[in-house]
Amino acid sequence: MSLHNGTWNKVSKGCWEIRGKTVGIVGYGHIGSQLSVLAESMGMSVIYYDVLNLMALGTARQVGSLDDLLSVRTLSVCMCGAPETKNLNQYERVAQMRNGSYLINNSRGSVVDISALIEAMKGGKIAGAALDVYPNEPAGNGDYFTNDLNLWTEGAPKAPESHPTPHIGGSNRRGPECDLVSRSVKRWCDMSTRGTTLEQSNAGSQSAVIDVG
C-alpha cells in the first residue's frame, strides 16, 4: 500500500523464501490436493491430514493426526464445515502451533476459532493469518462486515498481521463461464437420460420418456 501513497519502502522484514519450507494442509479434498500440487511446484514440502486415507499427489505425505501438522511454519485449512469440524483450530490447538507460524483459512468460517487466532496474533504466537471465510458473512456487498455479524469482526481487519478477504477464493472471471458449462452438461444429460427438456435453449419445457437401454 505504500506505493499507492507514493512512498518507496524497500525492506525485507516479514518476507520469506518459501522454497524448502513445509506447508501443512488440513483436508485433502479438491482444494487441499490442488494446493498441494501448487505448493510442491514452488519447491515446498507438503504434509497433510484428512480423516480419510487418501492417495498423495506428488511427494506429499499424509500424517496420522491433526496435531502432527502443528509444527509446520504454514498451515492451510481446506476442509468442509460440519458440526465435528467447528472450531477445530481452537485456543488449545493455536497454542500448540509453532511460534511465528502462518495460518490460511480458505475452507469454512466455522472451522477456525478467529477470536483465539486474533489473540495469538496480538501475542506474537502467530505471525500472520489469511482469512477468506467467516462464521457469519453479509448477504450482499456494502458496509455490513461489523460486530453485528461477529463479535470479533472489527478486531480482525485492524490486526496488521491479518489479511482478510471477502470470500473471493472461488471468484474469478472464468467462474461464471465454468458454471454455464456445468449447467449445460447437466441439461444435456437430463435430456439424454430422462427426456427432460426443461431449460433447453432449443427445446420447449416439456418431458418425455426415452428408453436409452
N, C-alpha and C. Protein backbone atom coordinates (compact mmCIF):
# COMPACT_ATOMS: atom_id res chain seq x y z
N MET A 1 0.82 -1.21 0.00
CA MET A 1 0.00 0.00 0.00
C MET A 1 0.85 1.26 0.00
N SER A 2 2.13 1.14 0.41
CA SER A 2 2.96 2.33 0.49
C SER A 2 3.15 2.98 -0.88
N LEU A 3 3.32 2.16 -1.94
CA LEU A 3 3.48 2.73 -3.27
C LEU A 3 2.20 3.40 -3.76
N HIS A 4 1.04 2.90 -3.31
CA HIS A 4 -0.21 3.58 -3.65
C HIS A 4 -0.20 5.01 -3.11
N ASN A 5 0.51 5.19 -1.99
CA ASN A 5 0.58 6.52 -1.37
C ASN A 5 1.82 7.28 -1.80
N GLY A 6 2.58 6.74 -2.77
CA GLY A 6 3.75 7.43 -3.27
C GLY A 6 5.01 7.23 -2.45
N THR A 7 5.00 6.26 -1.54
CA THR A 7 6.15 6.03 -0.66
C THR A 7 6.93 4.80 -1.10
N TRP A 8 8.24 4.97 -1.30
CA TRP A 8 9.11 3.86 -1.66
C TRP A 8 9.71 3.31 -0.36
N ASN A 9 9.37 2.06 -0.02
CA ASN A 9 9.79 1.49 1.26
C ASN A 9 10.27 0.07 1.03
N LYS A 10 11.47 -0.08 0.47
CA LYS A 10 12.01 -1.38 0.12
C LYS A 10 12.69 -2.01 1.33
N VAL A 11 11.97 -2.92 1.99
CA VAL A 11 12.51 -3.62 3.15
C VAL A 11 12.18 -5.10 3.01
N SER A 12 12.97 -5.94 3.68
CA SER A 12 12.75 -7.38 3.59
C SER A 12 12.10 -7.94 4.84
N LYS A 13 11.77 -7.10 5.82
CA LYS A 13 11.15 -7.57 7.05
C LYS A 13 9.82 -8.25 6.75
N GLY A 14 9.65 -9.45 7.27
CA GLY A 14 8.41 -10.18 7.05
C GLY A 14 8.35 -10.91 5.73
N CYS A 15 9.43 -10.88 4.95
CA CYS A 15 9.46 -11.59 3.66
C CYS A 15 10.28 -12.87 3.83
N TRP A 16 9.75 -13.97 3.30
CA TRP A 16 10.41 -15.26 3.47
C TRP A 16 10.45 -16.00 2.14
N GLU A 17 11.52 -16.75 1.94
CA GLU A 17 11.63 -17.63 0.79
C GLU A 17 10.87 -18.91 1.10
N ILE A 18 9.86 -19.24 0.28
CA ILE A 18 9.05 -20.42 0.59
C ILE A 18 9.68 -21.71 0.07
N ARG A 19 10.59 -21.63 -0.88
CA ARG A 19 11.26 -22.83 -1.37
C ARG A 19 12.01 -23.50 -0.21
N GLY A 20 11.78 -24.79 -0.06
CA GLY A 20 12.44 -25.52 1.01
C GLY A 20 11.65 -25.55 2.30
N LYS A 21 10.57 -24.77 2.38
CA LYS A 21 9.72 -24.77 3.58
C LYS A 21 8.66 -25.87 3.47
N THR A 22 7.99 -26.12 4.57
CA THR A 22 6.96 -27.16 4.62
C THR A 22 5.61 -26.51 4.90
N VAL A 23 4.60 -26.92 4.15
CA VAL A 23 3.23 -26.46 4.39
C VAL A 23 2.39 -27.64 4.85
N GLY A 24 1.57 -27.41 5.85
CA GLY A 24 0.66 -28.43 6.33
C GLY A 24 -0.75 -28.13 5.84
N ILE A 25 -1.41 -29.12 5.30
CA ILE A 25 -2.75 -28.93 4.74
C ILE A 25 -3.75 -29.77 5.53
N VAL A 26 -4.77 -29.11 6.04
CA VAL A 26 -5.83 -29.80 6.78
C VAL A 26 -7.00 -30.02 5.82
N GLY A 27 -7.22 -31.26 5.43
CA GLY A 27 -8.25 -31.58 4.45
C GLY A 27 -7.64 -31.72 3.06
N TYR A 28 -7.69 -32.92 2.49
CA TYR A 28 -7.01 -33.18 1.22
C TYR A 28 -8.03 -33.50 0.12
N GLY A 29 -9.09 -32.69 0.07
CA GLY A 29 -10.09 -32.85 -0.97
C GLY A 29 -9.69 -32.11 -2.24
N HIS A 30 -10.66 -31.57 -2.96
CA HIS A 30 -10.37 -30.89 -4.22
C HIS A 30 -9.43 -29.70 -4.02
N ILE A 31 -9.73 -28.86 -3.04
CA ILE A 31 -8.92 -27.66 -2.82
C ILE A 31 -7.58 -28.03 -2.21
N GLY A 32 -7.60 -28.85 -1.17
CA GLY A 32 -6.36 -29.21 -0.50
C GLY A 32 -5.36 -29.92 -1.40
N SER A 33 -5.85 -30.83 -2.24
CA SER A 33 -4.94 -31.57 -3.12
C SER A 33 -4.36 -30.67 -4.21
N GLN A 34 -5.16 -29.72 -4.70
CA GLN A 34 -4.63 -28.79 -5.71
C GLN A 34 -3.63 -27.83 -5.09
N LEU A 35 -3.90 -27.40 -3.86
CA LEU A 35 -2.93 -26.57 -3.16
C LEU A 35 -1.63 -27.33 -2.98
N SER A 36 -1.73 -28.62 -2.72
CA SER A 36 -0.55 -29.46 -2.57
C SER A 36 0.31 -29.44 -3.83
N VAL A 37 -0.33 -29.56 -4.98
CA VAL A 37 0.39 -29.54 -6.25
C VAL A 37 1.07 -28.18 -6.47
N LEU A 38 0.33 -27.10 -6.21
CA LEU A 38 0.89 -25.76 -6.40
C LEU A 38 2.07 -25.51 -5.46
N ALA A 39 1.91 -25.90 -4.20
CA ALA A 39 2.98 -25.68 -3.22
C ALA A 39 4.24 -26.45 -3.61
N GLU A 40 4.05 -27.70 -4.04
CA GLU A 40 5.21 -28.51 -4.43
C GLU A 40 5.89 -27.95 -5.66
N SER A 41 5.10 -27.37 -6.57
CA SER A 41 5.70 -26.80 -7.78
C SER A 41 6.57 -25.59 -7.46
N MET A 42 6.36 -24.99 -6.28
CA MET A 42 7.17 -23.84 -5.86
C MET A 42 8.28 -24.26 -4.90
N GLY A 43 8.53 -25.57 -4.84
CA GLY A 43 9.66 -26.05 -4.06
C GLY A 43 9.36 -26.34 -2.61
N MET A 44 8.10 -26.39 -2.22
CA MET A 44 7.75 -26.66 -0.84
C MET A 44 7.54 -28.15 -0.60
N SER A 45 7.76 -28.58 0.61
CA SER A 45 7.39 -29.92 1.03
C SER A 45 5.97 -29.87 1.58
N VAL A 46 5.21 -30.93 1.38
CA VAL A 46 3.80 -30.93 1.77
C VAL A 46 3.50 -32.12 2.66
N ILE A 47 2.88 -31.84 3.80
CA ILE A 47 2.30 -32.89 4.63
C ILE A 47 0.83 -32.53 4.83
N TYR A 48 -0.02 -33.52 4.95
CA TYR A 48 -1.44 -33.22 5.06
C TYR A 48 -2.13 -34.20 6.00
N TYR A 49 -3.28 -33.74 6.50
CA TYR A 49 -4.10 -34.60 7.35
C TYR A 49 -5.52 -34.63 6.80
N ASP A 50 -6.11 -35.80 6.78
CA ASP A 50 -7.50 -35.97 6.39
C ASP A 50 -8.07 -37.15 7.18
N VAL A 51 -9.37 -37.09 7.44
CA VAL A 51 -9.99 -38.19 8.18
C VAL A 51 -10.02 -39.47 7.36
N LEU A 52 -9.89 -39.32 6.03
CA LEU A 52 -9.83 -40.48 5.15
C LEU A 52 -8.39 -40.76 4.75
N ASN A 53 -8.10 -41.99 4.45
CA ASN A 53 -6.78 -42.36 3.95
C ASN A 53 -6.76 -42.12 2.44
N LEU A 54 -6.14 -41.02 2.02
CA LEU A 54 -6.18 -40.59 0.63
C LEU A 54 -4.81 -40.70 -0.02
N MET A 55 -4.82 -41.02 -1.30
CA MET A 55 -3.58 -41.14 -2.05
C MET A 55 -2.95 -39.76 -2.24
N ALA A 56 -1.69 -39.65 -1.95
CA ALA A 56 -0.99 -38.38 -2.07
C ALA A 56 -0.65 -38.06 -3.51
N LEU A 57 -0.64 -36.80 -3.85
CA LEU A 57 -0.18 -36.33 -5.15
C LEU A 57 1.28 -35.90 -5.03
N GLY A 58 2.07 -36.24 -6.01
CA GLY A 58 3.48 -35.89 -5.97
C GLY A 58 4.19 -36.56 -4.81
N THR A 59 4.95 -35.78 -4.06
CA THR A 59 5.70 -36.32 -2.93
C THR A 59 5.07 -35.94 -1.59
N ALA A 60 3.83 -35.49 -1.62
CA ALA A 60 3.15 -35.13 -0.37
C ALA A 60 3.04 -36.36 0.53
N ARG A 61 2.93 -36.11 1.83
CA ARG A 61 2.88 -37.22 2.79
C ARG A 61 1.75 -37.00 3.78
N GLN A 62 0.91 -38.02 3.97
CA GLN A 62 -0.19 -37.92 4.92
C GLN A 62 0.30 -38.27 6.32
N VAL A 63 -0.19 -37.49 7.31
CA VAL A 63 0.16 -37.76 8.71
C VAL A 63 -1.06 -38.32 9.44
N GLY A 64 -0.83 -38.89 10.61
CA GLY A 64 -1.88 -39.62 11.28
C GLY A 64 -2.87 -38.78 12.07
N SER A 65 -2.49 -37.55 12.45
CA SER A 65 -3.39 -36.72 13.25
C SER A 65 -3.19 -35.25 12.92
N LEU A 66 -4.18 -34.46 13.27
CA LEU A 66 -4.08 -33.02 13.05
C LEU A 66 -2.95 -32.42 13.86
N ASP A 67 -2.74 -32.92 15.05
CA ASP A 67 -1.67 -32.39 15.90
C ASP A 67 -0.30 -32.56 15.26
N ASP A 68 -0.14 -33.55 14.38
CA ASP A 68 1.15 -33.76 13.71
C ASP A 68 1.48 -32.64 12.73
N LEU A 69 0.49 -31.82 12.39
CA LEU A 69 0.72 -30.72 11.45
C LEU A 69 1.14 -29.42 12.14
N LEU A 70 0.94 -29.34 13.44
CA LEU A 70 1.07 -28.06 14.13
C LEU A 70 2.49 -27.54 14.23
N SER A 71 3.49 -28.33 13.87
CA SER A 71 4.87 -27.88 13.96
C SER A 71 5.35 -27.18 12.69
N VAL A 72 4.51 -27.14 11.64
CA VAL A 72 4.96 -26.53 10.38
C VAL A 72 4.86 -25.01 10.46
N ARG A 73 5.57 -24.36 9.56
CA ARG A 73 5.56 -22.89 9.53
C ARG A 73 4.26 -22.34 8.97
N THR A 74 3.71 -23.03 7.96
CA THR A 74 2.48 -22.56 7.33
C THR A 74 1.43 -23.65 7.36
N LEU A 75 0.25 -23.32 7.86
CA LEU A 75 -0.85 -24.27 7.96
C LEU A 75 -2.03 -23.74 7.17
N SER A 76 -2.52 -24.54 6.24
CA SER A 76 -3.66 -24.15 5.42
C SER A 76 -4.84 -25.07 5.72
N VAL A 77 -5.99 -24.47 6.03
CA VAL A 77 -7.19 -25.24 6.36
C VAL A 77 -8.08 -25.30 5.13
N CYS A 78 -8.35 -26.50 4.63
CA CYS A 78 -9.12 -26.69 3.40
C CYS A 78 -10.19 -27.77 3.59
N MET A 79 -10.92 -27.72 4.68
CA MET A 79 -11.88 -28.77 4.95
C MET A 79 -13.30 -28.23 5.01
N CYS A 80 -14.26 -29.14 4.98
CA CYS A 80 -15.66 -28.74 4.93
C CYS A 80 -16.14 -28.28 6.30
N GLY A 81 -17.24 -27.53 6.30
CA GLY A 81 -17.85 -27.09 7.53
C GLY A 81 -18.87 -28.12 8.00
N ALA A 82 -18.71 -28.62 9.21
CA ALA A 82 -19.61 -29.62 9.77
C ALA A 82 -19.55 -29.49 11.28
N PRO A 83 -20.54 -30.06 12.00
CA PRO A 83 -20.51 -29.97 13.46
C PRO A 83 -19.21 -30.48 14.06
N GLU A 84 -18.66 -31.55 13.48
CA GLU A 84 -17.43 -32.11 14.05
C GLU A 84 -16.18 -31.30 13.72
N THR A 85 -16.27 -30.35 12.77
CA THR A 85 -15.11 -29.52 12.44
C THR A 85 -15.23 -28.11 12.99
N LYS A 86 -16.31 -27.79 13.71
CA LYS A 86 -16.49 -26.45 14.25
C LYS A 86 -15.39 -26.15 15.26
N ASN A 87 -14.75 -24.97 15.08
CA ASN A 87 -13.65 -24.55 15.96
C ASN A 87 -12.60 -25.63 16.11
N LEU A 88 -12.30 -26.31 15.00
CA LEU A 88 -11.27 -27.35 15.03
C LEU A 88 -9.93 -26.77 15.45
N ASN A 89 -9.67 -25.55 14.98
CA ASN A 89 -8.47 -24.83 15.41
C ASN A 89 -8.87 -23.84 16.51
N GLN A 90 -9.02 -24.34 17.74
CA GLN A 90 -9.42 -23.50 18.84
C GLN A 90 -8.20 -23.10 19.67
N TYR A 91 -8.42 -22.50 20.84
CA TYR A 91 -7.33 -21.97 21.65
C TYR A 91 -6.22 -23.00 21.86
N GLU A 92 -6.60 -24.24 22.24
CA GLU A 92 -5.59 -25.24 22.57
C GLU A 92 -4.70 -25.56 21.38
N ARG A 93 -5.31 -25.71 20.19
CA ARG A 93 -4.50 -26.07 19.01
C ARG A 93 -3.69 -24.87 18.52
N VAL A 94 -4.26 -23.67 18.60
CA VAL A 94 -3.49 -22.49 18.20
C VAL A 94 -2.28 -22.35 19.10
N ALA A 95 -2.44 -22.64 20.39
CA ALA A 95 -1.33 -22.54 21.33
C ALA A 95 -0.23 -23.55 21.02
N GLN A 96 -0.61 -24.69 20.40
CA GLN A 96 0.39 -25.71 20.07
C GLN A 96 1.14 -25.40 18.78
N MET A 97 0.64 -24.45 18.01
CA MET A 97 1.29 -24.14 16.73
C MET A 97 2.68 -23.55 16.95
N ARG A 98 3.50 -23.68 15.97
CA ARG A 98 4.88 -23.21 16.04
C ARG A 98 4.91 -21.69 16.18
N ASN A 99 5.82 -21.18 17.00
CA ASN A 99 5.96 -19.73 17.15
C ASN A 99 6.33 -19.10 15.81
N GLY A 100 5.61 -18.03 15.46
CA GLY A 100 5.90 -17.34 14.20
C GLY A 100 5.33 -18.00 12.97
N SER A 101 4.35 -18.88 13.17
CA SER A 101 3.76 -19.59 12.03
C SER A 101 2.64 -18.77 11.39
N TYR A 102 2.17 -19.27 10.25
CA TYR A 102 1.12 -18.59 9.49
C TYR A 102 -0.05 -19.55 9.29
N LEU A 103 -1.26 -19.00 9.32
CA LEU A 103 -2.45 -19.82 9.14
C LEU A 103 -3.29 -19.25 8.00
N ILE A 104 -3.72 -20.11 7.11
CA ILE A 104 -4.59 -19.73 5.98
C ILE A 104 -5.89 -20.50 6.12
N ASN A 105 -7.00 -19.79 6.15
CA ASN A 105 -8.30 -20.47 6.19
C ASN A 105 -9.09 -20.15 4.94
N ASN A 106 -9.17 -21.13 4.05
CA ASN A 106 -10.00 -20.99 2.84
C ASN A 106 -10.99 -22.13 2.76
N SER A 107 -11.46 -22.56 3.94
CA SER A 107 -12.42 -23.66 3.98
C SER A 107 -13.79 -23.13 4.36
N ARG A 108 -14.13 -23.18 5.64
CA ARG A 108 -15.38 -22.65 6.16
C ARG A 108 -15.08 -21.82 7.39
N GLY A 109 -15.85 -20.77 7.58
CA GLY A 109 -15.57 -19.84 8.67
C GLY A 109 -15.69 -20.44 10.05
N SER A 110 -16.47 -21.50 10.18
CA SER A 110 -16.68 -22.10 11.49
C SER A 110 -15.54 -23.00 11.94
N VAL A 111 -14.62 -23.32 11.04
CA VAL A 111 -13.56 -24.28 11.36
C VAL A 111 -12.50 -23.67 12.28
N VAL A 112 -12.18 -22.40 12.08
CA VAL A 112 -11.14 -21.74 12.86
C VAL A 112 -11.78 -20.81 13.90
N ASP A 113 -11.33 -20.91 15.14
CA ASP A 113 -11.77 -20.00 16.19
C ASP A 113 -11.02 -18.68 16.00
N ILE A 114 -11.67 -17.73 15.35
CA ILE A 114 -10.98 -16.50 14.97
C ILE A 114 -10.64 -15.64 16.19
N SER A 115 -11.44 -15.71 17.24
CA SER A 115 -11.12 -14.98 18.47
C SER A 115 -9.78 -15.46 19.03
N ALA A 116 -9.58 -16.77 19.05
CA ALA A 116 -8.31 -17.33 19.52
C ALA A 116 -7.17 -16.92 18.59
N LEU A 117 -7.46 -16.89 17.31
CA LEU A 117 -6.44 -16.52 16.33
C LEU A 117 -6.00 -15.07 16.51
N ILE A 118 -6.95 -14.17 16.76
CA ILE A 118 -6.63 -12.75 16.97
C ILE A 118 -5.73 -12.58 18.19
N GLU A 119 -6.08 -13.28 19.28
CA GLU A 119 -5.27 -13.20 20.49
C GLU A 119 -3.86 -13.74 20.25
N ALA A 120 -3.76 -14.82 19.45
CA ALA A 120 -2.45 -15.39 19.16
C ALA A 120 -1.61 -14.44 18.31
N MET A 121 -2.25 -13.70 17.41
CA MET A 121 -1.52 -12.72 16.61
C MET A 121 -1.07 -11.54 17.46
N LYS A 122 -1.92 -11.10 18.37
CA LYS A 122 -1.55 -9.99 19.26
C LYS A 122 -0.37 -10.37 20.15
N GLY A 123 -0.34 -11.63 20.58
CA GLY A 123 0.73 -12.08 21.45
C GLY A 123 1.99 -12.49 20.72
N GLY A 124 1.96 -12.50 19.38
CA GLY A 124 3.14 -12.85 18.60
C GLY A 124 3.29 -14.33 18.32
N LYS A 125 2.36 -15.14 18.81
CA LYS A 125 2.42 -16.57 18.57
C LYS A 125 2.25 -16.87 17.09
N ILE A 126 1.27 -16.24 16.47
CA ILE A 126 1.01 -16.39 15.03
C ILE A 126 1.52 -15.14 14.32
N ALA A 127 2.39 -15.34 13.33
CA ALA A 127 2.98 -14.20 12.62
C ALA A 127 2.01 -13.57 11.63
N GLY A 128 1.07 -14.35 11.12
CA GLY A 128 0.13 -13.81 10.15
C GLY A 128 -0.96 -14.80 9.83
N ALA A 129 -2.08 -14.27 9.37
CA ALA A 129 -3.21 -15.13 9.01
C ALA A 129 -3.92 -14.55 7.80
N ALA A 130 -4.26 -15.42 6.87
CA ALA A 130 -5.05 -15.03 5.69
C ALA A 130 -6.42 -15.68 5.84
N LEU A 131 -7.46 -14.85 5.91
CA LEU A 131 -8.82 -15.33 6.15
C LEU A 131 -9.72 -14.94 4.98
N ASP A 132 -10.34 -15.95 4.39
CA ASP A 132 -11.26 -15.68 3.27
C ASP A 132 -12.70 -16.07 3.61
N VAL A 133 -12.88 -16.73 4.74
CA VAL A 133 -14.21 -17.19 5.14
C VAL A 133 -14.45 -16.88 6.61
N TYR A 134 -15.73 -16.70 6.97
CA TYR A 134 -16.08 -16.27 8.31
C TYR A 134 -17.35 -16.98 8.77
N PRO A 135 -17.55 -17.12 10.09
CA PRO A 135 -18.74 -17.81 10.58
C PRO A 135 -20.04 -17.19 10.06
N ASN A 136 -20.11 -15.88 10.06
CA ASN A 136 -21.29 -15.17 9.55
C ASN A 136 -20.82 -14.13 8.54
N GLU A 137 -21.39 -14.17 7.34
CA GLU A 137 -20.98 -13.27 6.27
C GLU A 137 -22.17 -12.46 5.77
N PRO A 138 -21.92 -11.22 5.32
CA PRO A 138 -23.01 -10.39 4.80
C PRO A 138 -23.69 -11.04 3.61
N ALA A 139 -24.97 -10.72 3.44
CA ALA A 139 -25.72 -11.27 2.31
C ALA A 139 -25.42 -10.54 1.01
N GLY A 140 -24.82 -9.36 1.09
CA GLY A 140 -24.50 -8.60 -0.12
C GLY A 140 -23.36 -7.65 0.15
N ASN A 141 -22.88 -6.99 -0.89
CA ASN A 141 -21.77 -6.05 -0.77
C ASN A 141 -22.23 -4.78 -0.06
N GLY A 142 -21.34 -4.19 0.70
CA GLY A 142 -21.67 -2.97 1.42
C GLY A 142 -20.97 -2.95 2.77
N ASP A 143 -21.26 -1.93 3.56
CA ASP A 143 -20.62 -1.75 4.86
C ASP A 143 -21.33 -2.56 5.93
N TYR A 144 -21.33 -3.88 5.74
CA TYR A 144 -22.07 -4.76 6.64
C TYR A 144 -21.17 -5.67 7.46
N PHE A 145 -19.87 -5.64 7.21
CA PHE A 145 -18.95 -6.52 7.92
C PHE A 145 -18.58 -5.86 9.24
N THR A 146 -19.45 -5.97 10.22
CA THR A 146 -19.31 -5.29 11.50
C THR A 146 -19.47 -6.29 12.64
N ASN A 147 -19.38 -5.76 13.86
CA ASN A 147 -19.54 -6.62 15.04
C ASN A 147 -20.96 -7.15 15.18
N ASP A 148 -21.90 -6.61 14.40
CA ASP A 148 -23.25 -7.15 14.43
C ASP A 148 -23.28 -8.56 13.85
N LEU A 149 -22.31 -8.88 12.99
CA LEU A 149 -22.22 -10.22 12.40
C LEU A 149 -21.41 -11.15 13.30
N ASN A 150 -20.22 -10.71 13.67
CA ASN A 150 -19.33 -11.50 14.53
C ASN A 150 -18.70 -10.55 15.55
N LEU A 151 -18.66 -10.95 16.81
CA LEU A 151 -18.20 -10.05 17.87
C LEU A 151 -16.76 -9.61 17.69
N TRP A 152 -15.97 -10.39 16.97
CA TRP A 152 -14.55 -10.08 16.79
C TRP A 152 -14.30 -9.31 15.50
N THR A 153 -15.33 -9.04 14.70
CA THR A 153 -15.16 -8.55 13.33
C THR A 153 -14.27 -7.34 13.24
N GLU A 154 -14.49 -6.34 14.07
CA GLU A 154 -13.73 -5.09 13.94
C GLU A 154 -12.30 -5.24 14.41
N GLY A 155 -12.00 -6.33 15.11
CA GLY A 155 -10.63 -6.56 15.54
C GLY A 155 -9.79 -7.25 14.50
N ALA A 156 -10.41 -8.14 13.70
CA ALA A 156 -9.64 -8.92 12.73
C ALA A 156 -9.02 -8.08 11.62
N PRO A 157 -9.79 -7.23 10.91
CA PRO A 157 -9.18 -6.47 9.84
C PRO A 157 -8.15 -5.46 10.32
N LYS A 158 -8.27 -5.00 11.58
CA LYS A 158 -7.36 -3.99 12.09
C LYS A 158 -6.04 -4.58 12.55
N ALA A 159 -6.01 -5.89 12.75
CA ALA A 159 -4.75 -6.52 13.15
C ALA A 159 -3.80 -6.49 11.96
N PRO A 160 -2.64 -5.87 12.10
CA PRO A 160 -1.72 -5.74 10.96
C PRO A 160 -1.23 -7.08 10.42
N GLU A 161 -1.31 -8.12 11.25
CA GLU A 161 -0.84 -9.44 10.82
C GLU A 161 -1.89 -10.19 10.01
N SER A 162 -3.12 -9.68 9.97
CA SER A 162 -4.19 -10.40 9.27
C SER A 162 -4.38 -9.87 7.87
N HIS A 163 -4.81 -10.76 6.98
CA HIS A 163 -5.09 -10.39 5.60
C HIS A 163 -6.47 -10.92 5.24
N PRO A 164 -7.53 -10.20 5.62
CA PRO A 164 -8.89 -10.67 5.36
C PRO A 164 -9.34 -10.35 3.94
N THR A 165 -10.03 -11.27 3.33
CA THR A 165 -10.64 -11.05 2.01
C THR A 165 -12.10 -11.51 2.08
N PRO A 166 -12.98 -10.92 1.26
CA PRO A 166 -14.43 -11.18 1.36
C PRO A 166 -14.90 -12.43 0.62
N HIS A 167 -14.39 -13.61 1.02
CA HIS A 167 -14.82 -14.89 0.46
C HIS A 167 -14.74 -14.89 -1.08
N ILE A 168 -13.55 -14.59 -1.59
CA ILE A 168 -13.37 -14.49 -3.04
C ILE A 168 -12.47 -15.60 -3.57
N GLY A 169 -12.20 -16.62 -2.75
CA GLY A 169 -11.30 -17.69 -3.19
C GLY A 169 -11.74 -18.36 -4.48
N GLY A 170 -13.05 -18.48 -4.69
CA GLY A 170 -13.54 -19.11 -5.92
C GLY A 170 -14.08 -18.12 -6.92
N SER A 171 -13.81 -16.83 -6.69
CA SER A 171 -14.34 -15.80 -7.59
C SER A 171 -13.30 -15.40 -8.62
N ASN A 172 -13.62 -15.59 -9.87
CA ASN A 172 -12.75 -15.14 -10.95
C ASN A 172 -13.60 -14.97 -12.21
N ARG A 173 -13.03 -14.42 -13.23
CA ARG A 173 -13.80 -14.11 -14.43
C ARG A 173 -14.25 -15.36 -15.16
N ARG A 174 -13.54 -16.48 -14.92
CA ARG A 174 -13.93 -17.72 -15.58
C ARG A 174 -15.00 -18.48 -14.80
N GLY A 175 -15.20 -18.08 -13.53
CA GLY A 175 -16.16 -18.77 -12.69
C GLY A 175 -17.54 -18.89 -13.32
N PRO A 176 -18.15 -17.76 -13.75
CA PRO A 176 -19.47 -17.85 -14.37
C PRO A 176 -19.48 -18.70 -15.64
N GLU A 177 -18.38 -18.65 -16.41
CA GLU A 177 -18.31 -19.44 -17.64
C GLU A 177 -18.31 -20.93 -17.30
N CYS A 178 -17.53 -21.31 -16.27
CA CYS A 178 -17.49 -22.71 -15.86
C CYS A 178 -18.86 -23.16 -15.37
N ASP A 179 -19.55 -22.26 -14.67
CA ASP A 179 -20.88 -22.60 -14.17
C ASP A 179 -21.83 -22.84 -15.33
N LEU A 180 -21.73 -22.03 -16.37
CA LEU A 180 -22.59 -22.21 -17.54
C LEU A 180 -22.31 -23.54 -18.22
N VAL A 181 -21.03 -23.89 -18.30
CA VAL A 181 -20.67 -25.16 -18.93
C VAL A 181 -21.24 -26.33 -18.14
N SER A 182 -21.08 -26.30 -16.81
CA SER A 182 -21.58 -27.40 -15.99
C SER A 182 -23.10 -27.51 -16.08
N ARG A 183 -23.78 -26.38 -16.12
CA ARG A 183 -25.24 -26.40 -16.24
C ARG A 183 -25.66 -26.96 -17.59
N SER A 184 -24.91 -26.60 -18.64
CA SER A 184 -25.24 -27.10 -19.98
C SER A 184 -25.06 -28.60 -20.06
N VAL A 185 -23.97 -29.10 -19.45
CA VAL A 185 -23.73 -30.55 -19.45
C VAL A 185 -24.83 -31.26 -18.68
N LYS A 186 -25.24 -30.69 -17.54
CA LYS A 186 -26.30 -31.32 -16.75
C LYS A 186 -27.60 -31.37 -17.54
N ARG A 187 -27.94 -30.27 -18.25
CA ARG A 187 -29.18 -30.25 -19.02
C ARG A 187 -29.14 -31.28 -20.14
N TRP A 188 -27.96 -31.41 -20.77
CA TRP A 188 -27.83 -32.39 -21.85
C TRP A 188 -28.01 -33.80 -21.30
N CYS A 189 -27.40 -34.07 -20.13
CA CYS A 189 -27.54 -35.39 -19.52
C CYS A 189 -28.98 -35.67 -19.14
N ASP A 190 -29.67 -34.64 -18.60
CA ASP A 190 -31.08 -34.82 -18.23
C ASP A 190 -31.93 -35.15 -19.45
N MET A 191 -31.64 -34.49 -20.57
CA MET A 191 -32.43 -34.72 -21.76
C MET A 191 -32.14 -36.09 -22.36
N SER A 192 -30.86 -36.50 -22.34
CA SER A 192 -30.50 -37.76 -22.99
C SER A 192 -30.88 -38.98 -22.16
N THR A 193 -30.94 -38.83 -20.83
CA THR A 193 -31.25 -39.98 -19.99
C THR A 193 -32.70 -40.04 -19.54
N ARG A 194 -33.29 -38.86 -19.29
CA ARG A 194 -34.65 -38.85 -18.78
C ARG A 194 -35.65 -38.20 -19.72
N GLY A 195 -35.14 -37.59 -20.78
CA GLY A 195 -36.04 -36.94 -21.73
C GLY A 195 -36.51 -35.58 -21.28
N THR A 196 -35.92 -35.05 -20.22
CA THR A 196 -36.32 -33.74 -19.71
C THR A 196 -35.70 -32.63 -20.55
N THR A 197 -36.53 -31.74 -21.08
CA THR A 197 -36.03 -30.63 -21.90
C THR A 197 -36.17 -29.30 -21.19
N LEU A 198 -36.40 -29.33 -19.88
CA LEU A 198 -36.51 -28.10 -19.12
C LEU A 198 -35.22 -27.30 -19.21
N GLU A 199 -35.33 -26.01 -19.51
CA GLU A 199 -34.22 -25.06 -19.64
C GLU A 199 -33.38 -25.29 -20.89
N GLN A 200 -33.79 -26.19 -21.76
CA GLN A 200 -33.03 -26.37 -23.00
C GLN A 200 -33.28 -25.16 -23.90
N SER A 201 -32.21 -24.65 -24.48
CA SER A 201 -32.33 -23.46 -25.31
C SER A 201 -32.99 -23.74 -26.65
N ASN A 202 -32.95 -24.98 -27.10
CA ASN A 202 -33.51 -25.31 -28.42
C ASN A 202 -34.68 -26.26 -28.31
N ALA A 203 -35.31 -26.32 -27.14
CA ALA A 203 -36.46 -27.20 -26.97
C ALA A 203 -37.43 -26.58 -25.99
N GLY A 204 -38.67 -26.92 -26.08
CA GLY A 204 -39.68 -26.40 -25.17
C GLY A 204 -39.56 -27.05 -23.81
N SER A 205 -40.24 -26.48 -22.83
CA SER A 205 -40.20 -27.01 -21.48
C SER A 205 -41.19 -28.15 -21.36
N GLN A 206 -40.75 -29.33 -21.73
CA GLN A 206 -41.60 -30.49 -21.67
C GLN A 206 -40.76 -31.72 -21.37
N SER A 207 -41.41 -32.79 -21.02
CA SER A 207 -40.71 -34.03 -20.68
C SER A 207 -41.25 -35.17 -21.49
N ALA A 208 -40.40 -36.11 -21.77
CA ALA A 208 -40.79 -37.31 -22.49
C ALA A 208 -40.00 -38.46 -21.94
N VAL A 209 -40.55 -39.67 -22.03
CA VAL A 209 -39.85 -40.86 -21.55
C VAL A 209 -39.07 -41.44 -22.73
N ILE A 210 -37.78 -41.57 -22.54
CA ILE A 210 -36.93 -42.10 -23.60
C ILE A 210 -36.23 -43.35 -23.08
N ASP A 211 -36.31 -44.42 -23.82
CA ASP A 211 -35.65 -45.65 -23.46
C ASP A 211 -34.23 -45.61 -24.02
N VAL A 212 -33.27 -45.46 -23.12
CA VAL A 212 -31.88 -45.37 -23.55
C VAL A 212 -31.17 -46.71 -23.39
N GLY A 213 -31.94 -47.75 -23.07
CA GLY A 213 -31.33 -49.08 -22.94
C GLY A 213 -31.15 -49.71 -24.26
